[in-house]
């Protein structure tokens, strides 16, 4: 059975950078294009996970576990962001019966 660090190090780091860049661009496009609040939150999660994947890849590539520890804390913050974001979406849906962010302009003073 191969060691995990040997398996990851056989894939060139440029492939990870390309994959993470592609995932991040998809997340940015989702935030900019979509009008649904849930899709926007999912796009933000895609961006956070692409950065986490890149941190882990660089951490394994440089044999330094600090990147993996940092990913752990980023995941904790992302979980808190999802909890608060979904609570806001539920409250907005209760009052407006829509999760379309264009409809939220009517909530201005």
PDB file of N, CA and C in Angstrom:
ATOM      1  N   UNK A   1       0.847  -1.186   0.000  1.00  0.00           N
ATOM      2  CA  UNK A   1       0.000   0.000   0.000  1.00  0.00           C
ATOM      3  C   UNK A   1       0.888   1.245   0.000  1.00  0.00           C
ATOM      4  N   UNK A   2       0.572   2.190  -0.872  1.00  0.00           N
ATOM      5  CA  UNK A   2       1.383   3.396  -0.992  1.00  0.00           C
ATOM      6  C   UNK A   2       1.039   4.398   0.103  1.00  0.00           C
ATOM      7  N   UNK A   3       2.040   5.162   0.468  1.00  0.00           N
ATOM      8  CA  UNK A   3       1.836   6.245   1.415  1.00  0.00           C
ATOM      9  C   UNK A   3       1.078   7.369   0.715  1.00  0.00           C
ATOM     10  N   UNK A   4       0.224   8.077   1.458  1.00  0.00           N
ATOM     11  CA  UNK A   4      -0.587   9.149   0.868  1.00  0.00           C
ATOM     12  C   UNK A   4       0.282  10.255   0.289  1.00  0.00           C
ATOM     13  N   UNK A   5       1.379  10.595   0.953  1.00  0.00           N
ATOM     14  CA  UNK A   5       2.233  11.677   0.453  1.00  0.00           C
ATOM     15  C   UNK A   5       2.910  11.284  -0.857  1.00  0.00           C
ATOM     16  N   UNK A   6       3.185   9.985  -1.049  1.00  0.00           N
ATOM     17  CA  UNK A   6       3.765   9.547  -2.311  1.00  0.00           C
ATOM     18  C   UNK A   6       2.752   9.636  -3.432  1.00  0.00           C
ATOM     19  N   UNK A   7       1.500   9.329  -3.143  1.00  0.00           N
ATOM     20  CA  UNK A   7       0.453   9.387  -4.157  1.00  0.00           C
ATOM     21  C   UNK A   7       0.208  10.822  -4.599  1.00  0.00           C
ATOM     22  N   UNK A   8       0.129  11.746  -3.655  1.00  0.00           N
ATOM     23  CA  UNK A   8      -0.141  13.135  -3.994  1.00  0.00           C
ATOM     24  C   UNK A   8       1.071  13.765  -4.678  1.00  0.00           C
ATOM     25  N   UNK A   9       2.270  13.397  -4.250  1.00  0.00           N
ATOM     26  CA  UNK A   9       3.451  14.024  -4.834  1.00  0.00           C
ATOM     27  C   UNK A   9       3.728  13.538  -6.251  1.00  0.00           C
ATOM     28  N   UNK A  10       3.109  12.423  -6.677  1.00  0.00           N
ATOM     29  CA  UNK A  10       3.318  11.979  -8.047  1.00  0.00           C
ATOM     30  C   UNK A  10       2.555  12.847  -9.041  1.00  0.00           C
ATOM     31  N   UNK A  11       1.508  13.505  -8.585  1.00  0.00           N
ATOM     32  CA  UNK A  11       0.775  14.432  -9.442  1.00  0.00           C
ATOM     33  C   UNK A  11       1.488  15.779  -9.364  1.00  0.00           C
ATOM     34  N   UNK A  12       1.838  16.357 -10.506  1.00  0.00           N
ATOM     35  CA  UNK A  12       2.542  17.650 -10.464  1.00  0.00           C
ATOM     36  C   UNK A  12       1.689  18.738  -9.799  1.00  0.00           C
ATOM     37  N   UNK A  13       2.358  19.638  -9.113  1.00  0.00           N
ATOM     38  CA  UNK A  13       1.666  20.700  -8.377  1.00  0.00           C
ATOM     39  C   UNK A  13       0.919  21.623  -9.332  1.00  0.00           C
ATOM     40  N   UNK A  14       1.369  21.717 -10.581  1.00  0.00           N
ATOM     41  CA  UNK A  14       0.686  22.570 -11.560  1.00  0.00           C
ATOM     42  C   UNK A  14      -0.730  22.078 -11.837  1.00  0.00           C
ATOM     43  N   UNK A  15      -0.949  20.767 -11.748  1.00  0.00           N
ATOM     44  CA  UNK A  15      -2.299  20.239 -11.965  1.00  0.00           C
ATOM     45  C   UNK A  15      -3.239  20.678 -10.847  1.00  0.00           C
ATOM     46  N   UNK A  16      -2.724  20.687  -9.622  1.00  0.00           N
ATOM     47  CA  UNK A  16      -3.535  21.157  -8.503  1.00  0.00           C
ATOM     48  C   UNK A  16      -3.845  22.647  -8.643  1.00  0.00           C
ATOM     49  N   UNK A  17      -2.850  23.408  -9.052  1.00  0.00           N
ATOM     50  CA  UNK A  17      -3.066  24.850  -9.230  1.00  0.00           C
ATOM     51  C   UNK A  17      -4.120  25.092 -10.316  1.00  0.00           C
ATOM     52  N   UNK A  18      -4.043  24.342 -11.406  1.00  0.00           N
ATOM     53  CA  UNK A  18      -5.015  24.497 -12.490  1.00  0.00           C
ATOM     54  C   UNK A  18      -6.418  24.104 -12.034  1.00  0.00           C
ATOM     55  N   UNK A  19      -6.531  22.977 -11.330  1.00  0.00           N
ATOM     56  CA  UNK A  19      -7.836  22.532 -10.840  1.00  0.00           C
ATOM     57  C   UNK A  19      -8.435  23.538  -9.861  1.00  0.00           C
ATOM     58  N   UNK A  20      -7.625  24.021  -8.937  1.00  0.00           N
ATOM     59  CA  UNK A  20      -8.118  24.975  -7.942  1.00  0.00           C
ATOM     60  C   UNK A  20      -8.488  26.313  -8.576  1.00  0.00           C
ATOM     61  N   UNK A  21      -7.735  26.719  -9.580  1.00  0.00           N
ATOM     62  CA  UNK A  21      -8.080  27.952 -10.297  1.00  0.00           C
ATOM     63  C   UNK A  21      -9.413  27.798 -11.006  1.00  0.00           C
ATOM     64  N   UNK A  22      -9.613  26.653 -11.644  1.00  0.00           N
ATOM     65  CA  UNK A  22     -10.877  26.391 -12.337  1.00  0.00           C
ATOM     66  C   UNK A  22     -12.052  26.386 -11.355  1.00  0.00           C
ATOM     67  N   UNK A  23     -11.887  25.719 -10.212  1.00  0.00           N
ATOM     68  CA  UNK A  23     -12.955  25.693  -9.205  1.00  0.00           C
ATOM     69  C   UNK A  23     -13.243  27.088  -8.657  1.00  0.00           C
ATOM     70  N   UNK A  24     -12.185  27.873  -8.431  1.00  0.00           N
ATOM     71  CA  UNK A  24     -12.379  29.222  -7.915  1.00  0.00           C
ATOM     72  C   UNK A  24     -13.113  30.097  -8.925  1.00  0.00           C
ATOM     73  N   UNK A  25     -12.773  29.972 -10.197  1.00  0.00           N
ATOM     74  CA  UNK A  25     -13.444  30.759 -11.239  1.00  0.00           C
ATOM     75  C   UNK A  25     -14.912  30.358 -11.346  1.00  0.00           C
ATOM     76  N   UNK A  26     -15.200  29.067 -11.220  1.00  0.00           N
ATOM     77  CA  UNK A  26     -16.600  28.616 -11.235  1.00  0.00           C
ATOM     78  C   UNK A  26     -17.358  29.224 -10.056  1.00  0.00           C
ATOM     79  N   UNK A  27     -16.727  29.267  -8.886  1.00  0.00           N
ATOM     80  CA  UNK A  27     -17.356  29.871  -7.718  1.00  0.00           C
ATOM     81  C   UNK A  27     -17.603  31.355  -7.890  1.00  0.00           C
ATOM     82  N   UNK A  28     -16.632  32.071  -8.441  1.00  0.00           N
ATOM     83  CA  UNK A  28     -16.799  33.515  -8.679  1.00  0.00           C
ATOM     84  C   UNK A  28     -17.910  33.755  -9.691  1.00  0.00           C
ATOM     85  N   UNK A  29     -17.953  32.940 -10.740  1.00  0.00           N
ATOM     86  CA  UNK A  29     -19.017  33.089 -11.742  1.00  0.00           C
ATOM     87  C   UNK A  29     -20.387  32.834 -11.117  1.00  0.00           C
ATOM     88  N   UNK A  30     -20.460  31.865 -10.226  1.00  0.00           N
ATOM     89  CA  UNK A  30     -21.730  31.592  -9.549  1.00  0.00           C
ATOM     90  C   UNK A  30     -22.178  32.747  -8.677  1.00  0.00           C
ATOM     91  N   UNK A  31     -21.238  33.389  -7.990  1.00  0.00           N
ATOM     92  CA  UNK A  31     -21.585  34.531  -7.148  1.00  0.00           C
ATOM     93  C   UNK A  31     -22.034  35.712  -7.994  1.00  0.00           C
ATOM     94  N   UNK A  32     -21.362  35.953  -9.109  1.00  0.00           N
ATOM     95  CA  UNK A  32     -21.671  37.122  -9.933  1.00  0.00           C
ATOM     96  C   UNK A  32     -22.906  36.947 -10.804  1.00  0.00           C
ATOM     97  N   UNK A  33     -23.184  35.742 -11.239  1.00  0.00           N
ATOM     98  CA  UNK A  33     -24.257  35.526 -12.219  1.00  0.00           C
ATOM     99  C   UNK A  33     -25.585  35.148 -11.566  1.00  0.00           C
ATOM    100  N   UNK A  34     -25.545  34.243 -10.608  1.00  0.00           N
ATOM    101  CA  UNK A  34     -26.788  33.706 -10.046  1.00  0.00           C
ATOM    102  C   UNK A  34     -27.460  34.702  -9.122  1.00  0.00           C
ATOM    103  N   UNK A  35     -28.783  34.617  -9.018  1.00  0.00           N
ATOM    104  CA  UNK A  35     -29.564  35.514  -8.176  1.00  0.00           C
ATOM    105  C   UNK A  35     -30.158  34.782  -6.977  1.00  0.00           C
ATOM    106  N   UNK A  36     -29.984  33.476  -6.893  1.00  0.00           N
ATOM    107  CA  UNK A  36     -30.533  32.694  -5.794  1.00  0.00           C
ATOM    108  C   UNK A  36     -29.542  32.697  -4.634  1.00  0.00           C
ATOM    109  N   UNK A  37     -30.015  32.990  -3.437  1.00  0.00           N
ATOM    110  CA  UNK A  37     -29.126  33.102  -2.278  1.00  0.00           C
ATOM    111  C   UNK A  37     -28.453  31.772  -1.950  1.00  0.00           C
ATOM    112  N   UNK A  38     -29.156  30.657  -2.094  1.00  0.00           N
ATOM    113  CA  UNK A  38     -28.550  29.358  -1.804  1.00  0.00           C
ATOM    114  C   UNK A  38     -27.442  29.030  -2.793  1.00  0.00           C
ATOM    115  N   UNK A  39     -27.641  29.349  -4.049  1.00  0.00           N
ATOM    116  CA  UNK A  39     -26.606  29.095  -5.051  1.00  0.00           C
ATOM    117  C   UNK A  39     -25.388  29.983  -4.790  1.00  0.00           C
ATOM    118  N   UNK A  40     -25.616  31.188  -4.330  1.00  0.00           N
ATOM    119  CA  UNK A  40     -24.501  32.082  -3.997  1.00  0.00           C
ATOM    120  C   UNK A  40     -23.708  31.518  -2.828  1.00  0.00           C
ATOM    121  N   UNK A  41     -24.389  31.000  -1.807  1.00  0.00           N
ATOM    122  CA  UNK A  41     -23.680  30.382  -0.687  1.00  0.00           C
ATOM    123  C   UNK A  41     -22.901  29.150  -1.139  1.00  0.00           C
ATOM    124  N   UNK A  42     -23.477  28.344  -2.022  1.00  0.00           N
ATOM    125  CA  UNK A  42     -22.759  27.179  -2.532  1.00  0.00           C
ATOM    126  C   UNK A  42     -21.547  27.600  -3.348  1.00  0.00           C
ATOM    127  N   UNK A  43     -21.654  28.682  -4.088  1.00  0.00           N
ATOM    128  CA  UNK A  43     -20.521  29.178  -4.863  1.00  0.00           C
ATOM    129  C   UNK A  43     -19.394  29.664  -3.949  1.00  0.00           C
ATOM    130  N   UNK A  44     -19.759  30.305  -2.853  1.00  0.00           N
ATOM    131  CA  UNK A  44     -18.746  30.726  -1.889  1.00  0.00           C
ATOM    132  C   UNK A  44     -18.060  29.508  -1.279  1.00  0.00           C
ATOM    133  N   UNK A  45     -18.814  28.461  -1.003  1.00  0.00           N
ATOM    134  CA  UNK A  45     -18.223  27.234  -0.467  1.00  0.00           C
ATOM    135  C   UNK A  45     -17.288  26.582  -1.483  1.00  0.00           C
ATOM    136  N   UNK A  46     -17.634  26.626  -2.761  1.00  0.00           N
ATOM    137  CA  UNK A  46     -16.739  26.097  -3.799  1.00  0.00           C
ATOM    138  C   UNK A  46     -15.429  26.869  -3.804  1.00  0.00           C
ATOM    139  N   UNK A  47     -15.503  28.188  -3.661  1.00  0.00           N
ATOM    140  CA  UNK A  47     -14.278  28.996  -3.627  1.00  0.00           C
ATOM    141  C   UNK A  47     -13.435  28.646  -2.403  1.00  0.00           C
ATOM    142  N   UNK A  48     -14.065  28.511  -1.230  1.00  0.00           N
ATOM    143  CA  UNK A  48     -13.321  28.160  -0.022  1.00  0.00           C
ATOM    144  C   UNK A  48     -12.686  26.772  -0.142  1.00  0.00           C
ATOM    145  N   UNK A  49     -13.419  25.821  -0.705  1.00  0.00           N
ATOM    146  CA  UNK A  49     -12.874  24.472  -0.845  1.00  0.00           C
ATOM    147  C   UNK A  49     -11.760  24.403  -1.878  1.00  0.00           C
ATOM    148  N   UNK A  50     -11.807  25.240  -2.896  1.00  0.00           N
ATOM    149  CA  UNK A  50     -10.703  25.242  -3.865  1.00  0.00           C
ATOM    150  C   UNK A  50      -9.429  25.755  -3.207  1.00  0.00           C
ATOM    151  N   UNK A  51      -9.556  26.761  -2.364  1.00  0.00           N
ATOM    152  CA  UNK A  51      -8.391  27.270  -1.640  1.00  0.00           C
ATOM    153  C   UNK A  51      -7.891  26.226  -0.642  1.00  0.00           C
ATOM    154  N   UNK A  52      -8.809  25.524   0.012  1.00  0.00           N
ATOM    155  CA  UNK A  52      -8.399  24.470   0.943  1.00  0.00           C
ATOM    156  C   UNK A  52      -7.639  23.363   0.226  1.00  0.00           C
ATOM    157  N   UNK A  53      -8.117  22.961  -0.932  1.00  0.00           N
ATOM    158  CA  UNK A  53      -7.429  21.928  -1.699  1.00  0.00           C
ATOM    159  C   UNK A  53      -6.024  22.372  -2.090  1.00  0.00           C
ATOM    160  N   UNK A  54      -5.894  23.604  -2.483  1.00  0.00           N
ATOM    161  CA  UNK A  54      -4.583  24.121  -2.860  1.00  0.00           C
ATOM    162  C   UNK A  54      -3.647  24.199  -1.649  1.00  0.00           C
ATOM    163  N   UNK A  55      -4.171  24.609  -0.498  1.00  0.00           N
ATOM    164  CA  UNK A  55      -3.353  24.637   0.717  1.00  0.00           C
ATOM    165  C   UNK A  55      -2.858  23.241   1.097  1.00  0.00           C
ATOM    166  N   UNK A  56      -3.735  22.252   0.995  1.00  0.00           N
ATOM    167  CA  UNK A  56      -3.328  20.886   1.322  1.00  0.00           C
ATOM    168  C   UNK A  56      -2.301  20.381   0.316  1.00  0.00           C
ATOM    169  N   UNK A  57      -2.504  20.667  -0.956  1.00  0.00           N
ATOM    170  CA  UNK A  57      -1.550  20.222  -1.976  1.00  0.00           C
ATOM    171  C   UNK A  57      -0.174  20.836  -1.747  1.00  0.00           C
ATOM    172  N   UNK A  58      -0.113  22.139  -1.471  1.00  0.00           N
ATOM    173  CA  UNK A  58       1.178  22.774  -1.194  1.00  0.00           C
ATOM    174  C   UNK A  58       1.784  22.251   0.109  1.00  0.00           C
ATOM    175  N   UNK A  59       0.933  21.976   1.096  1.00  0.00           N
ATOM    176  CA  UNK A  59       1.417  21.460   2.361  1.00  0.00           C
ATOM    177  C   UNK A  59       2.092  20.095   2.178  1.00  0.00           C
ATOM    178  N   UNK A  60       1.465  19.222   1.418  1.00  0.00           N
ATOM    179  CA  UNK A  60       2.049  17.905   1.160  1.00  0.00           C
ATOM    180  C   UNK A  60       3.281  18.036   0.276  1.00  0.00           C
ATOM    181  N   UNK A  61       3.221  18.918  -0.697  1.00  0.00           N
ATOM    182  CA  UNK A  61       4.339  19.099  -1.618  1.00  0.00           C
ATOM    183  C   UNK A  61       5.593  19.579  -0.895  1.00  0.00           C
ATOM    184  N   UNK A  62       5.417  20.453   0.099  1.00  0.00           N
ATOM    185  CA  UNK A  62       6.559  20.998   0.839  1.00  0.00           C
ATOM    186  C   UNK A  62       6.825  20.261   2.161  1.00  0.00           C
ATOM    187  N   UNK A  63       6.084  19.182   2.423  1.00  0.00           N
ATOM    188  CA  UNK A  63       6.250  18.371   3.636  1.00  0.00           C
ATOM    189  C   UNK A  63       6.132  19.224   4.900  1.00  0.00           C
ATOM    190  N   UNK A  64       5.142  20.111   4.911  1.00  0.00           N
ATOM    191  CA  UNK A  64       4.906  20.984   6.057  1.00  0.00           C
ATOM    192  C   UNK A  64       3.430  20.877   6.451  1.00  0.00           C
ATOM    193  N   UNK A  65       3.128  20.381   7.639  1.00  0.00           N
ATOM    194  CA  UNK A  65       1.726  20.204   8.028  1.00  0.00           C
ATOM    195  C   UNK A  65       1.006  21.499   8.402  1.00  0.00           C
ATOM    196  N   UNK A  66       1.667  22.632   8.373  1.00  0.00           N
ATOM    197  CA  UNK A  66       1.029  23.885   8.768  1.00  0.00           C
ATOM    198  C   UNK A  66      -0.146  24.231   7.853  1.00  0.00           C
ATOM    199  N   UNK A  67      -0.040  23.943   6.576  1.00  0.00           N
ATOM    200  CA  UNK A  67      -1.135  24.210   5.644  1.00  0.00           C
ATOM    201  C   UNK A  67      -2.364  23.392   5.964  1.00  0.00           C
ATOM    202  N   UNK A  68      -2.165  22.149   6.383  1.00  0.00           N
ATOM    203  CA  UNK A  68      -3.297  21.296   6.725  1.00  0.00           C
ATOM    204  C   UNK A  68      -3.973  21.765   8.010  1.00  0.00           C
ATOM    205  N   UNK A  69      -3.209  22.261   8.940  1.00  0.00           N
ATOM    206  CA  UNK A  69      -3.789  22.817  10.170  1.00  0.00           C
ATOM    207  C   UNK A  69      -4.593  24.073   9.843  1.00  0.00           C
ATOM    208  N   UNK A  70      -4.062  24.898   8.954  1.00  0.00           N
ATOM    209  CA  UNK A  70      -4.776  26.106   8.550  1.00  0.00           C
ATOM    210  C   UNK A  70      -6.084  25.757   7.850  1.00  0.00           C
ATOM    211  N   UNK A  71      -6.083  24.690   7.045  1.00  0.00           N
ATOM    212  CA  UNK A  71      -7.306  24.243   6.371  1.00  0.00           C
ATOM    213  C   UNK A  71      -8.353  23.840   7.398  1.00  0.00           C
ATOM    214  N   UNK A  72      -7.918  23.214   8.483  1.00  0.00           N
ATOM    215  CA  UNK A  72      -8.858  22.826   9.537  1.00  0.00           C
ATOM    216  C   UNK A  72      -9.579  24.048  10.098  1.00  0.00           C
ATOM    217  N   UNK A  73      -8.849  25.121  10.355  1.00  0.00           N
ATOM    218  CA  UNK A  73      -9.472  26.336  10.888  1.00  0.00           C
ATOM    219  C   UNK A  73     -10.345  27.029   9.841  1.00  0.00           C
ATOM    220  N   UNK A  74      -9.950  26.984   8.583  1.00  0.00           N
ATOM    221  CA  UNK A  74     -10.781  27.563   7.520  1.00  0.00           C
ATOM    222  C   UNK A  74     -12.099  26.800   7.415  1.00  0.00           C
ATOM    223  N   UNK A  75     -12.055  25.494   7.577  1.00  0.00           N
ATOM    224  CA  UNK A  75     -13.284  24.698   7.522  1.00  0.00           C
ATOM    225  C   UNK A  75     -14.214  25.022   8.694  1.00  0.00           C
ATOM    226  N   UNK A  76     -13.646  25.314   9.855  1.00  0.00           N
ATOM    227  CA  UNK A  76     -14.471  25.705  11.006  1.00  0.00           C
ATOM    228  C   UNK A  76     -15.161  27.035  10.731  1.00  0.00           C
ATOM    229  N   UNK A  77     -14.426  27.984  10.189  1.00  0.00           N
ATOM    230  CA  UNK A  77     -15.017  29.286   9.856  1.00  0.00           C
ATOM    231  C   UNK A  77     -16.067  29.133   8.762  1.00  0.00           C
ATOM    232  N   UNK A  78     -15.811  28.266   7.778  1.00  0.00           N
ATOM    233  CA  UNK A  78     -16.780  28.042   6.698  1.00  0.00           C
ATOM    234  C   UNK A  78     -18.065  27.412   7.239  1.00  0.00           C
ATOM    235  N   UNK A  79     -17.948  26.506   8.209  1.00  0.00           N
ATOM    236  CA  UNK A  79     -19.136  25.904   8.798  1.00  0.00           C
ATOM    237  C   UNK A  79     -19.951  26.948   9.552  1.00  0.00           C
ATOM    238  N   UNK A  80     -19.274  27.843  10.252  1.00  0.00           N
ATOM    239  CA  UNK A  80     -19.989  28.916  10.946  1.00  0.00           C
ATOM    240  C   UNK A  80     -20.653  29.858   9.948  1.00  0.00           C
ATOM    241  N   UNK A  81     -19.972  30.129   8.833  1.00  0.00           N
ATOM    242  CA  UNK A  81     -20.540  30.994   7.799  1.00  0.00           C
ATOM    243  C   UNK A  81     -21.797  30.372   7.196  1.00  0.00           C
ATOM    244  N   UNK A  82     -21.770  29.073   6.989  1.00  0.00           N
ATOM    245  CA  UNK A  82     -22.942  28.389   6.435  1.00  0.00           C
ATOM    246  C   UNK A  82     -24.101  28.439   7.431  1.00  0.00           C
ATOM    247  N   UNK A  83     -23.823  28.234   8.695  1.00  0.00           N
ATOM    248  CA  UNK A  83     -24.891  28.261   9.696  1.00  0.00           C
ATOM    249  C   UNK A  83     -25.549  29.636   9.762  1.00  0.00           C
ATOM    250  N   UNK A  84     -24.738  30.684   9.796  1.00  0.00           N
ATOM    251  CA  UNK A  84     -25.285  32.043   9.855  1.00  0.00           C
ATOM    252  C   UNK A  84     -25.992  32.392   8.544  1.00  0.00           C
ATOM    253  N   UNK A  85     -25.396  32.028   7.424  1.00  0.00           N
ATOM    254  CA  UNK A  85     -25.991  32.331   6.123  1.00  0.00           C
ATOM    255  C   UNK A  85     -27.329  31.639   5.918  1.00  0.00           C
ATOM    256  N   UNK A  86     -27.410  30.377   6.283  1.00  0.00           N
ATOM    257  CA  UNK A  86     -28.683  29.676   6.129  1.00  0.00           C
ATOM    258  C   UNK A  86     -29.740  30.205   7.091  1.00  0.00           C
ATOM    259  N   UNK A  87     -29.327  30.619   8.268  1.00  0.00           N
ATOM    260  CA  UNK A  87     -30.286  31.239   9.187  1.00  0.00           C
ATOM    261  C   UNK A  87     -30.835  32.530   8.595  1.00  0.00           C
ATOM    262  N   UNK A  88     -29.970  33.327   7.964  1.00  0.00           N
ATOM    263  CA  UNK A  88     -30.432  34.560   7.312  1.00  0.00           C
ATOM    264  C   UNK A  88     -31.376  34.252   6.148  1.00  0.00           C
ATOM    265  N   UNK A  89     -31.041  33.230   5.366  1.00  0.00           N
ATOM    266  CA  UNK A  89     -31.901  32.866   4.233  1.00  0.00           C
ATOM    267  C   UNK A  89     -33.267  32.415   4.730  1.00  0.00           C
ATOM    268  N   UNK A  90     -33.317  31.642   5.812  1.00  0.00           N
ATOM    269  CA  UNK A  90     -34.598  31.189   6.361  1.00  0.00           C
ATOM    270  C   UNK A  90     -35.422  32.371   6.860  1.00  0.00           C
ATOM    271  N   UNK A  91     -34.777  33.318   7.517  1.00  0.00           N
ATOM    272  CA  UNK A  91     -35.508  34.485   8.014  1.00  0.00           C
ATOM    273  C   UNK A  91     -36.022  35.353   6.859  1.00  0.00           C
ATOM    274  N   UNK A  92     -35.218  35.533   5.839  1.00  0.00           N
ATOM    275  CA  UNK A  92     -35.663  36.315   4.682  1.00  0.00           C
ATOM    276  C   UNK A  92     -36.809  35.598   3.984  1.00  0.00           C
ATOM    277  N   UNK A  93     -36.732  34.277   3.859  1.00  0.00           N
ATOM    278  CA  UNK A  93     -37.798  33.534   3.200  1.00  0.00           C
ATOM    279  C   UNK A  93     -39.103  33.615   3.995  1.00  0.00           C
ATOM    280  N   UNK A  94     -39.016  33.606   5.304  1.00  0.00           N
ATOM    281  CA  UNK A  94     -40.229  33.716   6.125  1.00  0.00           C
ATOM    282  C   UNK A  94     -40.944  35.046   5.915  1.00  0.00           C
ATOM    283  N   UNK A  95     -40.178  36.106   5.683  1.00  0.00           N
ATOM    284  CA  UNK A  95     -40.787  37.429   5.530  1.00  0.00           C
ATOM    285  C   UNK A  95     -41.164  37.747   4.091  1.00  0.00           C
ATOM    286  N   UNK A  96     -40.395  37.256   3.132  1.00  0.00           N
ATOM    287  CA  UNK A  96     -40.639  37.648   1.736  1.00  0.00           C
ATOM    288  C   UNK A  96     -41.162  36.517   0.867  1.00  0.00           C
ATOM    289  N   UNK A  97     -41.095  35.270   1.332  1.00  0.00           N
ATOM    290  CA  UNK A  97     -41.490  34.079   0.575  1.00  0.00           C
ATOM    291  C   UNK A  97     -40.715  33.961  -0.732  1.00  0.00           C
ATOM    292  N   UNK A  98     -39.468  34.419  -0.707  1.00  0.00           N
ATOM    293  CA  UNK A  98     -38.579  34.311  -1.854  1.00  0.00           C
ATOM    294  C   UNK A  98     -37.136  34.359  -1.355  1.00  0.00           C
ATOM    295  N   UNK A  99     -36.249  33.658  -2.074  1.00  0.00           N
ATOM    296  CA  UNK A  99     -34.831  33.745  -1.748  1.00  0.00           C
ATOM    297  C   UNK A  99     -34.061  34.392  -2.894  1.00  0.00           C
ATOM    298  N   UNK A 100     -34.786  35.077  -3.758  1.00  0.00           N
ATOM    299  CA  UNK A 100     -34.164  35.826  -4.848  1.00  0.00           C
ATOM    300  C   UNK A 100     -33.572  37.112  -4.271  1.00  0.00           C
ATOM    301  N   UNK A 101     -32.287  37.347  -4.519  1.00  0.00           N
ATOM    302  CA  UNK A 101     -31.640  38.510  -3.900  1.00  0.00           C
ATOM    303  C   UNK A 101     -32.092  39.822  -4.523  1.00  0.00           C
ATOM    304  N   UNK A 102     -32.638  39.811  -5.727  1.00  0.00           N
ATOM    305  CA  UNK A 102     -33.175  41.034  -6.308  1.00  0.00           C
ATOM    306  C   UNK A 102     -34.412  41.507  -5.551  1.00  0.00           C
ATOM    307  N   UNK A 103     -35.137  40.576  -4.970  1.00  0.00           N
ATOM    308  CA  UNK A 103     -36.332  40.910  -4.202  1.00  0.00           C
ATOM    309  C   UNK A 103     -35.968  41.602  -2.890  1.00  0.00           C
ATOM    310  N   UNK A 104     -34.725  41.417  -2.433  1.00  0.00           N
ATOM    311  CA  UNK A 104     -34.302  42.018  -1.166  1.00  0.00           C
ATOM    312  C   UNK A 104     -34.147  43.529  -1.259  1.00  0.00           C
ATOM    313  N   UNK A 105     -34.092  44.108  -2.448  1.00  0.00           N
ATOM    314  CA  UNK A 105     -34.008  45.555  -2.589  1.00  0.00           C
ATOM    315  C   UNK A 105     -35.242  46.248  -2.025  1.00  0.00           C
ATOM    316  N   UNK A 106     -36.345  45.538  -1.966  1.00  0.00           N
ATOM    317  CA  UNK A 106     -37.576  46.103  -1.425  1.00  0.00           C
ATOM    318  C   UNK A 106     -37.531  46.234   0.093  1.00  0.00           C
ATOM    319  N   UNK A 107     -36.525  45.629   0.729  1.00  0.00           N
ATOM    320  CA  UNK A 107     -36.401  45.713   2.175  1.00  0.00           C
ATOM    321  C   UNK A 107     -35.636  46.946   2.626  1.00  0.00           C
ATOM    322  N   UNK A 108     -35.218  47.784   1.691  1.00  0.00           N
ATOM    323  CA  UNK A 108     -34.497  49.010   2.046  1.00  0.00           C
ATOM    324  C   UNK A 108     -35.443  49.981   2.740  1.00  0.00           C
ATOM    325  N   UNK A 109     -34.841  50.950   3.436  1.00  0.00           N
ATOM    326  CA  UNK A 109     -35.641  51.938   4.140  1.00  0.00           C
ATOM    327  C   UNK A 109     -36.380  52.719   3.146  1.00  0.00           C
TER     328      UNK A 109
END
